[in-house]
Amino acid sequence: HELCADGLTGLVTKGGDAEGLARAITAILTDGALARDLAAAARR
C-alpha cells in the first residue's frame, strides 16, 4: 500500500476484507475508464 495511492494509482483494500477486495476487483473489471485512469497514473 506504500507503493499504491488509493483511488489514484490503484485501489487499496483492508487486509483480510474479502468483500472489499472483491468490490475493488469488480470495480476495475467493470469500469473501463477507472481501470485506464488508474493504470495511466500508476505508470506516471
PDB file of all heavy atoms in Angstrom:
ATOM      1  N   HIS A   1       0.818  -1.216   0.000  1.00  0.00           N
ATOM      2  CA  HIS A   1       0.000   0.000   0.000  1.00  0.00           C
ATOM      3  C   HIS A   1       0.852   1.267   0.000  1.00  0.00           C
ATOM      4  O   HIS A   1       0.361   2.344  -0.334  1.00  0.00           O
ATOM      5  CB  HIS A   1      -0.971  -0.005   1.175  1.00  0.00           C
ATOM      6  CG  HIS A   1      -0.322   0.129   2.502  1.00  0.00           C
ATOM      7  ND1 HIS A   1       0.353  -0.906   3.100  1.00  0.00           N
ATOM      8  CD2 HIS A   1      -0.209   1.183   3.339  1.00  0.00           C
ATOM      9  CE1 HIS A   1       0.834  -0.500   4.260  1.00  0.00           C
ATOM     10  NE2 HIS A   1       0.515   0.759   4.426  1.00  0.00           N
ATOM     11  N   GLU A   2       2.131   1.138   0.340  1.00  0.00           N
ATOM     12  CA  GLU A   2       3.010   2.301   0.301  1.00  0.00           C
ATOM     13  C   GLU A   2       3.387   2.674  -1.132  1.00  0.00           C
ATOM     14  O   GLU A   2       3.833   3.783  -1.391  1.00  0.00           O
ATOM     15  CB  GLU A   2       4.266   2.029   1.123  1.00  0.00           C
ATOM     16  CG  GLU A   2       3.973   1.832   2.601  1.00  0.00           C
ATOM     17  CD  GLU A   2       5.197   1.427   3.393  1.00  0.00           C
ATOM     18  OE1 GLU A   2       6.327   1.511   2.876  1.00  0.00           O
ATOM     19  OE2 GLU A   2       5.013   1.002   4.549  1.00  0.00           O
ATOM     20  N   LEU A   3       3.211   1.747  -2.059  1.00  0.00           N
ATOM     21  CA  LEU A   3       3.541   1.994  -3.460  1.00  0.00           C
ATOM     22  C   LEU A   3       2.331   2.448  -4.266  1.00  0.00           C
ATOM     23  O   LEU A   3       2.471   2.919  -5.383  1.00  0.00           O
ATOM     24  CB  LEU A   3       4.098   0.712  -4.095  1.00  0.00           C
ATOM     25  CG  LEU A   3       5.337   0.130  -3.422  1.00  0.00           C
ATOM     26  CD1 LEU A   3       5.675  -1.215  -4.045  1.00  0.00           C
ATOM     27  CD2 LEU A   3       6.492   1.091  -3.530  1.00  0.00           C
ATOM     28  N   CYS A   4       1.156   2.276  -3.700  1.00  0.00           N
ATOM     29  CA  CYS A   4      -0.086   2.495  -4.428  1.00  0.00           C
ATOM     30  C   CYS A   4      -0.977   3.451  -3.641  1.00  0.00           C
ATOM     31  O   CYS A   4      -1.335   3.160  -2.506  1.00  0.00           O
ATOM     32  CB  CYS A   4      -0.761   1.135  -4.611  1.00  0.00           C
ATOM     33  SG  CYS A   4      -2.327   1.211  -5.457  1.00  0.00           S
ATOM     34  N   ALA A   5      -1.336   4.578  -4.229  1.00  0.00           N
ATOM     35  CA  ALA A   5      -2.218   5.547  -3.579  1.00  0.00           C
ATOM     36  C   ALA A   5      -3.658   5.225  -3.942  1.00  0.00           C
ATOM     37  O   ALA A   5      -4.031   5.236  -5.118  1.00  0.00           O
ATOM     38  CB  ALA A   5      -1.860   6.964  -4.024  1.00  0.00           C
ATOM     39  N   ASP A   6      -4.464   4.925  -2.920  1.00  0.00           N
ATOM     40  CA  ASP A   6      -5.837   4.502  -3.143  1.00  0.00           C
ATOM     41  C   ASP A   6      -6.624   5.513  -3.966  1.00  0.00           C
ATOM     42  O   ASP A   6      -6.682   6.693  -3.637  1.00  0.00           O
ATOM     43  CB  ASP A   6      -6.537   4.268  -1.800  1.00  0.00           C
ATOM     44  CG  ASP A   6      -7.913   3.662  -1.964  1.00  0.00           C
ATOM     45  OD1 ASP A   6      -8.092   2.829  -2.870  1.00  0.00           O
ATOM     46  OD2 ASP A   6      -8.811   4.014  -1.176  1.00  0.00           O
ATOM     47  N   GLY A   7      -7.195   5.021  -5.045  1.00  0.00           N
ATOM     48  CA  GLY A   7      -8.009   5.860  -5.906  1.00  0.00           C
ATOM     49  C   GLY A   7      -7.224   6.701  -6.886  1.00  0.00           C
ATOM     50  O   GLY A   7      -7.802   7.353  -7.745  1.00  0.00           O
ATOM     51  N   LEU A   8      -5.906   6.704  -6.756  1.00  0.00           N
ATOM     52  CA  LEU A   8      -5.062   7.496  -7.660  1.00  0.00           C
ATOM     53  C   LEU A   8      -4.231   6.611  -8.575  1.00  0.00           C
ATOM     54  O   LEU A   8      -4.249   6.787  -9.793  1.00  0.00           O
ATOM     55  CB  LEU A   8      -4.145   8.426  -6.857  1.00  0.00           C
ATOM     56  CG  LEU A   8      -4.842   9.455  -5.981  1.00  0.00           C
ATOM     57  CD1 LEU A   8      -3.823  10.207  -5.131  1.00  0.00           C
ATOM     58  CD2 LEU A   8      -5.639  10.417  -6.832  1.00  0.00           C
ATOM     59  N   THR A   9      -3.464   5.700  -7.980  1.00  0.00           N
ATOM     60  CA  THR A   9      -2.607   4.815  -8.782  1.00  0.00           C
ATOM     61  C   THR A   9      -3.016   3.360  -8.649  1.00  0.00           C
ATOM     62  O   THR A   9      -2.334   2.473  -9.139  1.00  0.00           O
ATOM     63  CB  THR A   9      -1.131   4.970  -8.378  1.00  0.00           C
ATOM     64  OG1 THR A   9      -0.985   4.637  -7.000  1.00  0.00           O
ATOM     65  CG2 THR A   9      -0.634   6.379  -8.639  1.00  0.00           C
ATOM     66  N   GLY A  10      -4.113   3.114  -7.988  1.00  0.00           N
ATOM     67  CA  GLY A  10      -4.642   1.770  -7.804  1.00  0.00           C
ATOM     68  C   GLY A  10      -5.706   1.805  -6.732  1.00  0.00           C
ATOM     69  O   GLY A  10      -6.113   2.881  -6.285  1.00  0.00           O
ATOM     70  N   LEU A  11      -6.165   0.636  -6.322  1.00  0.00           N
ATOM     71  CA  LEU A  11      -7.158   0.556  -5.258  1.00  0.00           C
ATOM     72  C   LEU A  11      -6.566  -0.213  -4.090  1.00  0.00           C
ATOM     73  O   LEU A  11      -5.943  -1.256  -4.281  1.00  0.00           O
ATOM     74  CB  LEU A  11      -8.429  -0.130  -5.762  1.00  0.00           C
ATOM     75  CG  LEU A  11      -9.161   0.584  -6.905  1.00  0.00           C
ATOM     76  CD1 LEU A  11     -10.392  -0.212  -7.339  1.00  0.00           C
ATOM     77  CD2 LEU A  11      -9.551   2.006  -6.520  1.00  0.00           C
ATOM     78  N   VAL A  12      -6.738   0.327  -2.889  1.00  0.00           N
ATOM     79  CA  VAL A  12      -6.218  -0.287  -1.671  1.00  0.00           C
ATOM     80  C   VAL A  12      -7.398  -0.728  -0.815  1.00  0.00           C
ATOM     81  O   VAL A  12      -8.320   0.062  -0.578  1.00  0.00           O
ATOM     82  CB  VAL A  12      -5.334   0.707  -0.873  1.00  0.00           C
ATOM     83  CG1 VAL A  12      -4.811   0.049   0.393  1.00  0.00           C
ATOM     84  CG2 VAL A  12      -4.195   1.222  -1.732  1.00  0.00           C
ATOM     85  N   THR A  13      -7.370  -1.974  -0.367  1.00  0.00           N
ATOM     86  CA  THR A  13      -8.420  -2.503   0.494  1.00  0.00           C
ATOM     87  C   THR A  13      -7.837  -2.905   1.838  1.00  0.00           C
ATOM     88  O   THR A  13      -6.626  -3.047   1.977  1.00  0.00           O
ATOM     89  CB  THR A  13      -9.108  -3.722  -0.155  1.00  0.00           C
ATOM     90  OG1 THR A  13      -8.156  -4.777  -0.260  1.00  0.00           O
ATOM     91  CG2 THR A  13      -9.646  -3.381  -1.531  1.00  0.00           C
ATOM     92  N   LYS A  14      -8.682  -3.096   2.811  1.00  0.00           N
ATOM     93  CA  LYS A  14      -8.252  -3.563   4.131  1.00  0.00           C
ATOM     94  C   LYS A  14      -7.774  -5.000   4.028  1.00  0.00           C
ATOM     95  O   LYS A  14      -8.402  -5.824   3.366  1.00  0.00           O
ATOM     96  CB  LYS A  14      -9.407  -3.498   5.128  1.00  0.00           C
ATOM     97  CG  LYS A  14      -9.779  -2.107   5.526  1.00  0.00           C
ATOM     98  CD  LYS A  14      -9.104  -1.789   6.830  1.00  0.00           C
ATOM     99  CE  LYS A  14      -9.534  -0.418   7.313  1.00  0.00           C
ATOM    100  NZ  LYS A  14      -8.419   0.327   7.805  1.00  0.00           N
ATOM    101  N   GLY A  15      -6.681  -5.307   4.686  1.00  0.00           N
ATOM    102  CA  GLY A  15      -6.211  -6.676   4.736  1.00  0.00           C
ATOM    103  C   GLY A  15      -7.253  -7.567   5.411  1.00  0.00           C
ATOM    104  O   GLY A  15      -7.841  -7.177   6.410  1.00  0.00           O
ATOM    105  N   GLY A  16      -7.494  -8.723   4.841  1.00  0.00           N
ATOM    106  CA  GLY A  16      -8.454  -9.657   5.412  1.00  0.00           C
ATOM    107  C   GLY A  16      -9.897  -9.379   5.040  1.00  0.00           C
ATOM    108  O   GLY A  16     -10.787 -10.139   5.412  1.00  0.00           O
ATOM    109  N   ASP A  17     -10.158  -8.303   4.310  1.00  0.00           N
ATOM    110  CA  ASP A  17     -11.523  -7.946   3.915  1.00  0.00           C
ATOM    111  C   ASP A  17     -11.803  -8.499   2.524  1.00  0.00           C
ATOM    112  O   ASP A  17     -11.607  -7.818   1.512  1.00  0.00           O
ATOM    113  CB  ASP A  17     -11.691  -6.429   3.942  1.00  0.00           C
ATOM    114  CG  ASP A  17     -13.087  -5.958   3.542  1.00  0.00           C
ATOM    115  OD1 ASP A  17     -13.980  -6.806   3.328  1.00  0.00           O
ATOM    116  OD2 ASP A  17     -13.269  -4.728   3.421  1.00  0.00           O
ATOM    117  N   ALA A  18     -12.275  -9.739   2.470  1.00  0.00           N
ATOM    118  CA  ALA A  18     -12.517 -10.403   1.184  1.00  0.00           C
ATOM    119  C   ALA A  18     -13.586  -9.680   0.370  1.00  0.00           C
ATOM    120  O   ALA A  18     -13.467  -9.566  -0.849  1.00  0.00           O
ATOM    121  CB  ALA A  18     -12.906 -11.858   1.412  1.00  0.00           C
ATOM    122  N   GLU A  19     -14.611  -9.176   1.034  1.00  0.00           N
ATOM    123  CA  GLU A  19     -15.675  -8.459   0.309  1.00  0.00           C
ATOM    124  C   GLU A  19     -15.152  -7.156  -0.284  1.00  0.00           C
ATOM    125  O   GLU A  19     -15.474  -6.803  -1.420  1.00  0.00           O
ATOM    126  CB  GLU A  19     -16.861  -8.204   1.227  1.00  0.00           C
ATOM    127  CG  GLU A  19     -17.618  -9.471   1.581  1.00  0.00           C
ATOM    128  CD  GLU A  19     -18.784  -9.209   2.531  1.00  0.00           C
ATOM    129  OE1 GLU A  19     -19.142  -8.027   2.738  1.00  0.00           O
ATOM    130  OE2 GLU A  19     -19.325 -10.198   3.052  1.00  0.00           O
ATOM    131  N   GLY A  20     -14.343  -6.428   0.475  1.00  0.00           N
ATOM    132  CA  GLY A  20     -13.752  -5.195  -0.032  1.00  0.00           C
ATOM    133  C   GLY A  20     -12.820  -5.471  -1.202  1.00  0.00           C
ATOM    134  O   GLY A  20     -12.805  -4.726  -2.189  1.00  0.00           O
ATOM    135  N   LEU A  21     -12.061  -6.538  -1.100  1.00  0.00           N
ATOM    136  CA  LEU A  21     -11.169  -6.937  -2.193  1.00  0.00           C
ATOM    137  C   LEU A  21     -11.986  -7.258  -3.439  1.00  0.00           C
ATOM    138  O   LEU A  21     -11.656  -6.806  -4.543  1.00  0.00           O
ATOM    139  CB  LEU A  21     -10.318  -8.135  -1.765  1.00  0.00           C
ATOM    140  CG  LEU A  21      -9.285  -8.627  -2.764  1.00  0.00           C
ATOM    141  CD1 LEU A  21      -8.209  -7.576  -2.994  1.00  0.00           C
ATOM    142  CD2 LEU A  21      -8.660  -9.926  -2.257  1.00  0.00           C
ATOM    143  N   ALA A  22     -13.070  -8.011  -3.254  1.00  0.00           N
ATOM    144  CA  ALA A  22     -13.933  -8.365  -4.383  1.00  0.00           C
ATOM    145  C   ALA A  22     -14.547  -7.118  -5.018  1.00  0.00           C
ATOM    146  O   ALA A  22     -14.622  -7.008  -6.249  1.00  0.00           O
ATOM    147  CB  ALA A  22     -15.024  -9.327  -3.927  1.00  0.00           C
ATOM    148  N   ARG A  23     -14.969  -6.157  -4.190  1.00  0.00           N
ATOM    149  CA  ARG A  23     -15.536  -4.907  -4.733  1.00  0.00           C
ATOM    150  C   ARG A  23     -14.503  -4.141  -5.558  1.00  0.00           C
ATOM    151  O   ARG A  23     -14.813  -3.611  -6.625  1.00  0.00           O
ATOM    152  CB  ARG A  23     -16.071  -4.030  -3.596  1.00  0.00           C
ATOM    153  CG  ARG A  23     -17.425  -4.445  -3.074  1.00  0.00           C
ATOM    154  CD  ARG A  23     -18.031  -3.385  -2.153  1.00  0.00           C
ATOM    155  NE  ARG A  23     -17.190  -3.078  -0.995  1.00  0.00           N
ATOM    156  CZ  ARG A  23     -17.204  -3.764   0.133  1.00  0.00           C
ATOM    157  NH1 ARG A  23     -17.998  -4.788   0.298  1.00  0.00           N
ATOM    158  NH2 ARG A  23     -16.404  -3.406   1.140  1.00  0.00           N
ATOM    159  N   ALA A  24     -13.273  -4.083  -5.056  1.00  0.00           N
ATOM    160  CA  ALA A  24     -12.224  -3.356  -5.788  1.00  0.00           C
ATOM    161  C   ALA A  24     -11.912  -4.035  -7.117  1.00  0.00           C
ATOM    162  O   ALA A  24     -11.775  -3.367  -8.147  1.00  0.00           O
ATOM    163  CB  ALA A  24     -10.964  -3.255  -4.929  1.00  0.00           C
ATOM    164  N   ILE A  25     -11.805  -5.349  -7.103  1.00  0.00           N
ATOM    165  CA  ILE A  25     -11.540  -6.088  -8.344  1.00  0.00           C
ATOM    166  C   ILE A  25     -12.686  -5.886  -9.326  1.00  0.00           C
ATOM    167  O   ILE A  25     -12.465  -5.620 -10.511  1.00  0.00           O
ATOM    168  CB  ILE A  25     -11.317  -7.587  -8.050  1.00  0.00           C
ATOM    169  CG1 ILE A  25     -10.035  -7.784  -7.235  1.00  0.00           C
ATOM    170  CG2 ILE A  25     -11.271  -8.394  -9.345  1.00  0.00           C
ATOM    171  CD1 ILE A  25      -9.876  -9.183  -6.662  1.00  0.00           C
ATOM    172  N   THR A  26     -13.912  -5.988  -8.827  1.00  0.00           N
ATOM    173  CA  THR A  26     -15.085  -5.801  -9.681  1.00  0.00           C
ATOM    174  C   THR A  26     -15.117  -4.399 -10.268  1.00  0.00           C
ATOM    175  O   THR A  26     -15.438  -4.221 -11.456  1.00  0.00           O
ATOM    176  CB  THR A  26     -16.377  -6.086  -8.886  1.00  0.00           C
ATOM    177  OG1 THR A  26     -16.333  -7.438  -8.415  1.00  0.00           O
ATOM    178  CG2 THR A  26     -17.612  -5.887  -9.740  1.00  0.00           C
ATOM    179  N   ALA A  27     -14.759  -3.403  -9.477  1.00  0.00           N
ATOM    180  CA  ALA A  27     -14.752  -2.020  -9.974  1.00  0.00           C
ATOM    181  C   ALA A  27     -13.805  -1.877 -11.154  1.00  0.00           C
ATOM    182  O   ALA A  27     -14.151  -1.256 -12.172  1.00  0.00           O
ATOM    183  CB  ALA A  27     -14.363  -1.059  -8.852  1.00  0.00           C
ATOM    184  N   ILE A  28     -12.633  -2.466 -11.051  1.00  0.00           N
ATOM    185  CA  ILE A  28     -11.664  -2.358 -12.148  1.00  0.00           C
ATOM    186  C   ILE A  28     -12.132  -3.144 -13.374  1.00  0.00           C
ATOM    187  O   ILE A  28     -11.960  -2.699 -14.500  1.00  0.00           O
ATOM    188  CB  ILE A  28     -10.269  -2.807 -11.675  1.00  0.00           C
ATOM    189  CG1 ILE A  28      -9.659  -1.700 -10.811  1.00  0.00           C
ATOM    190  CG2 ILE A  28      -9.363  -3.133 -12.852  1.00  0.00           C
ATOM    191  CD1 ILE A  28      -8.301  -1.986 -10.265  1.00  0.00           C
ATOM    192  N   LEU A  29     -12.734  -4.285 -13.140  1.00  0.00           N
ATOM    193  CA  LEU A  29     -13.179  -5.117 -14.265  1.00  0.00           C
ATOM    194  C   LEU A  29     -14.411  -4.559 -14.973  1.00  0.00           C
ATOM    195  O   LEU A  29     -14.625  -4.855 -16.151  1.00  0.00           O
ATOM    196  CB  LEU A  29     -13.466  -6.542 -13.788  1.00  0.00           C
ATOM    197  CG  LEU A  29     -12.246  -7.341 -13.334  1.00  0.00           C
ATOM    198  CD1 LEU A  29     -12.688  -8.687 -12.769  1.00  0.00           C
ATOM    199  CD2 LEU A  29     -11.265  -7.533 -14.481  1.00  0.00           C
ATOM    200  N   THR A  30     -15.205  -3.771 -14.282  1.00  0.00           N
ATOM    201  CA  THR A  30     -16.460  -3.281 -14.881  1.00  0.00           C
ATOM    202  C   THR A  30     -16.421  -1.813 -15.285  1.00  0.00           C
ATOM    203  O   THR A  30     -17.307  -1.358 -15.991  1.00  0.00           O
ATOM    204  CB  THR A  30     -17.640  -3.504 -13.917  1.00  0.00           C
ATOM    205  OG1 THR A  30     -17.385  -2.805 -12.694  1.00  0.00           O
ATOM    206  CG2 THR A  30     -17.850  -4.985 -13.655  1.00  0.00           C
ATOM    207  N   ASP A  31     -15.428  -1.080 -14.851  1.00  0.00           N
ATOM    208  CA  ASP A  31     -15.339   0.346 -15.165  1.00  0.00           C
ATOM    209  C   ASP A  31     -14.058   0.595 -15.948  1.00  0.00           C
ATOM    210  O   ASP A  31     -12.990   0.837 -15.368  1.00  0.00           O
ATOM    211  CB  ASP A  31     -15.367   1.161 -13.867  1.00  0.00           C
ATOM    212  CG  ASP A  31     -15.445   2.662 -14.090  1.00  0.00           C
ATOM    213  OD1 ASP A  31     -15.089   3.130 -15.205  1.00  0.00           O
ATOM    214  OD2 ASP A  31     -15.835   3.374 -13.147  1.00  0.00           O
ATOM    215  N   GLY A  32     -14.186   0.550 -17.261  1.00  0.00           N
ATOM    216  CA  GLY A  32     -13.016   0.708 -18.127  1.00  0.00           C
ATOM    217  C   GLY A  32     -12.299   2.028 -17.937  1.00  0.00           C
ATOM    218  O   GLY A  32     -11.070   2.086 -17.964  1.00  0.00           O
ATOM    219  N   ALA A  33     -13.062   3.100 -17.734  1.00  0.00           N
ATOM    220  CA  ALA A  33     -12.436   4.414 -17.541  1.00  0.00           C
ATOM    221  C   ALA A  33     -11.619   4.435 -16.253  1.00  0.00           C
ATOM    222  O   ALA A  33     -10.501   4.954 -16.231  1.00  0.00           O
ATOM    223  CB  ALA A  33     -13.496   5.510 -17.526  1.00  0.00           C
ATOM    224  N   LEU A  34     -12.165   3.866 -15.191  1.00  0.00           N
ATOM    225  CA  LEU A  34     -11.433   3.791 -13.928  1.00  0.00           C
ATOM    226  C   LEU A  34     -10.146   2.994 -14.111  1.00  0.00           C
ATOM    227  O   LEU A  34      -9.076   3.430 -13.694  1.00  0.00           O
ATOM    228  CB  LEU A  34     -12.297   3.145 -12.842  1.00  0.00           C
ATOM    229  CG  LEU A  34     -11.593   2.852 -11.512  1.00  0.00           C
ATOM    230  CD1 LEU A  34     -11.191   4.150 -10.815  1.00  0.00           C
ATOM    231  CD2 LEU A  34     -12.486   1.999 -10.620  1.00  0.00           C
ATOM    232  N   ALA A  35     -10.251   1.844 -14.745  1.00  0.00           N
ATOM    233  CA  ALA A  35      -9.075   0.997 -14.965  1.00  0.00           C
ATOM    234  C   ALA A  35      -8.008   1.734 -15.763  1.00  0.00           C
ATOM    235  O   ALA A  35      -6.825   1.709 -15.408  1.00  0.00           O
ATOM    236  CB  ALA A  35      -9.480  -0.298 -15.665  1.00  0.00           C
ATOM    237  N   ARG A  36      -8.415   2.414 -16.826  1.00  0.00           N
ATOM    238  CA  ARG A  36      -7.457   3.154 -17.663  1.00  0.00           C
ATOM    239  C   ARG A  36      -6.809   4.296 -16.891  1.00  0.00           C
ATOM    240  O   ARG A  36      -5.598   4.506 -16.969  1.00  0.00           O
ATOM    241  CB  ARG A  36      -8.137   3.683 -18.923  1.00  0.00           C
ATOM    242  CG  ARG A  36      -8.342   2.649 -20.005  1.00  0.00           C
ATOM    243  CD  ARG A  36      -8.842   3.269 -21.307  1.00  0.00           C
ATOM    244  NE  ARG A  36     -10.124   3.953 -21.141  1.00  0.00           N
ATOM    245  CZ  ARG A  36     -11.315   3.347 -21.157  1.00  0.00           C
ATOM    246  NH1 ARG A  36     -11.391   2.039 -21.309  1.00  0.00           N
ATOM    247  NH2 ARG A  36     -12.430   4.041 -21.015  1.00  0.00           N
ATOM    248  N   ASP A  37      -7.617   5.039 -16.127  1.00  0.00           N
ATOM    249  CA  ASP A  37      -7.083   6.177 -15.368  1.00  0.00           C
ATOM    250  C   ASP A  37      -6.091   5.716 -14.305  1.00  0.00           C
ATOM    251  O   ASP A  37      -5.024   6.310 -14.143  1.00  0.00           O
ATOM    252  CB  ASP A  37      -8.212   6.969 -14.714  1.00  0.00           C
ATOM    253  CG  ASP A  37      -9.067   7.727 -15.716  1.00  0.00           C
ATOM    254  OD1 ASP A  37      -8.661   7.842 -16.898  1.00  0.00           O
ATOM    255  OD2 ASP A  37     -10.157   8.194 -15.318  1.00  0.00           O
ATOM    256  N   LEU A  38      -6.448   4.662 -13.558  1.00  0.00           N
ATOM    257  CA  LEU A  38      -5.550   4.143 -12.532  1.00  0.00           C
ATOM    258  C   LEU A  38      -4.255   3.632 -13.149  1.00  0.00           C
ATOM    259  O   LEU A  38      -3.169   3.887 -12.637  1.00  0.00           O
ATOM    260  CB  LEU A  38      -6.222   3.020 -11.743  1.00  0.00           C
ATOM    261  CG  LEU A  38      -7.400   3.408 -10.852  1.00  0.00           C
ATOM    262  CD1 LEU A  38      -8.043   2.160 -10.260  1.00  0.00           C
ATOM    263  CD2 LEU A  38      -6.980   4.372  -9.761  1.00  0.00           C
ATOM    264  N   ALA A  39      -4.378   2.910 -14.261  1.00  0.00           N
ATOM    265  CA  ALA A  39      -3.208   2.327 -14.916  1.00  0.00           C
ATOM    266  C   ALA A  39      -2.270   3.419 -15.443  1.00  0.00           C
ATOM    267  O   ALA A  39      -1.053   3.328 -15.281  1.00  0.00           O
ATOM    268  CB  ALA A  39      -3.651   1.403 -16.046  1.00  0.00           C
ATOM    269  N   ALA A  40      -2.835   4.450 -16.054  1.00  0.00           N
ATOM    270  CA  ALA A  40      -2.008   5.542 -16.583  1.00  0.00           C
ATOM    271  C   ALA A  40      -1.313   6.293 -15.441  1.00  0.00           C
ATOM    272  O   ALA A  40      -0.126   6.622 -15.537  1.00  0.00           O
ATOM    273  CB  ALA A  40      -2.864   6.494 -17.407  1.00  0.00           C
ATOM    274  N   ALA A  41      -2.040   6.554 -14.370  1.00  0.00           N
ATOM    275  CA  ALA A  41      -1.449   7.252 -13.223  1.00  0.00           C
ATOM    276  C   ALA A  41      -0.370   6.399 -12.562  1.00  0.00           C
ATOM    277  O   ALA A  41       0.652   6.918 -12.117  1.00  0.00           O
ATOM    278  CB  ALA A  41      -2.535   7.618 -12.210  1.00  0.00           C
ATOM    279  N   ALA A  42      -0.597   5.089 -12.513  1.00  0.00           N
ATOM    280  CA  ALA A  42       0.399   4.192 -11.928  1.00  0.00           C
ATOM    281  C   ALA A  42       1.693   4.247 -12.731  1.00  0.00           C
ATOM    282  O   ALA A  42       2.785   4.322 -12.160  1.00  0.00           O
ATOM    283  CB  ALA A  42      -0.141   2.767 -11.873  1.00  0.00           C
ATOM    284  N   ARG A  43       1.591   4.235 -14.037  1.00  0.00           N
ATOM    285  CA  ARG A  43       2.781   4.302 -14.891  1.00  0.00           C
ATOM    286  C   ARG A  43       3.528   5.612 -14.665  1.00  0.00           C
ATOM    287  O   ARG A  43       4.750   5.631 -14.515  1.00  0.00           O
ATOM    288  CB  ARG A  43       2.379   4.150 -16.360  1.00  0.00           C
ATOM    289  CG  ARG A  43       3.487   4.366 -17.369  1.00  0.00           C
ATOM    290  CD  ARG A  43       4.635   3.364 -17.195  1.00  0.00           C
ATOM    291  NE  ARG A  43       5.723   3.657 -18.084  1.00  0.00           N
ATOM    292  CZ  ARG A  43       6.234   2.796 -18.946  1.00  0.00           C
ATOM    293  NH1 ARG A  43       5.782   1.563 -19.015  1.00  0.00           N
ATOM    294  NH2 ARG A  43       7.221   3.149 -19.722  1.00  0.00           N
ATOM    295  N   ARG A  44       2.788   6.713 -14.625  1.00  0.00           N
ATOM    296  CA  ARG A  44       3.430   8.016 -14.385  1.00  0.00           C
ATOM    297  C   ARG A  44       4.132   8.027 -13.028  1.00  0.00           C
ATOM    298  O   ARG A  44       5.241   8.551 -12.900  1.00  0.00           O
ATOM    299  CB  ARG A  44       2.400   9.149 -14.472  1.00  0.00           C
ATOM    300  CG  ARG A  44       1.930   9.450 -15.871  1.00  0.00           C
ATOM    301  CD  ARG A  44       1.111  10.737 -15.945  1.00  0.00           C
ATOM    302  NE  ARG A  44      -0.064  10.713 -15.092  1.00  0.00           N
ATOM    303  CZ  ARG A  44      -1.264  10.250 -15.444  1.00  0.00           C
ATOM    304  NH1 ARG A  44      -1.450   9.760 -16.669  1.00  0.00           N
ATOM    305  NH2 ARG A  44      -2.278  10.293 -14.599  1.00  0.00           N
TER     306      ARG A  44
END
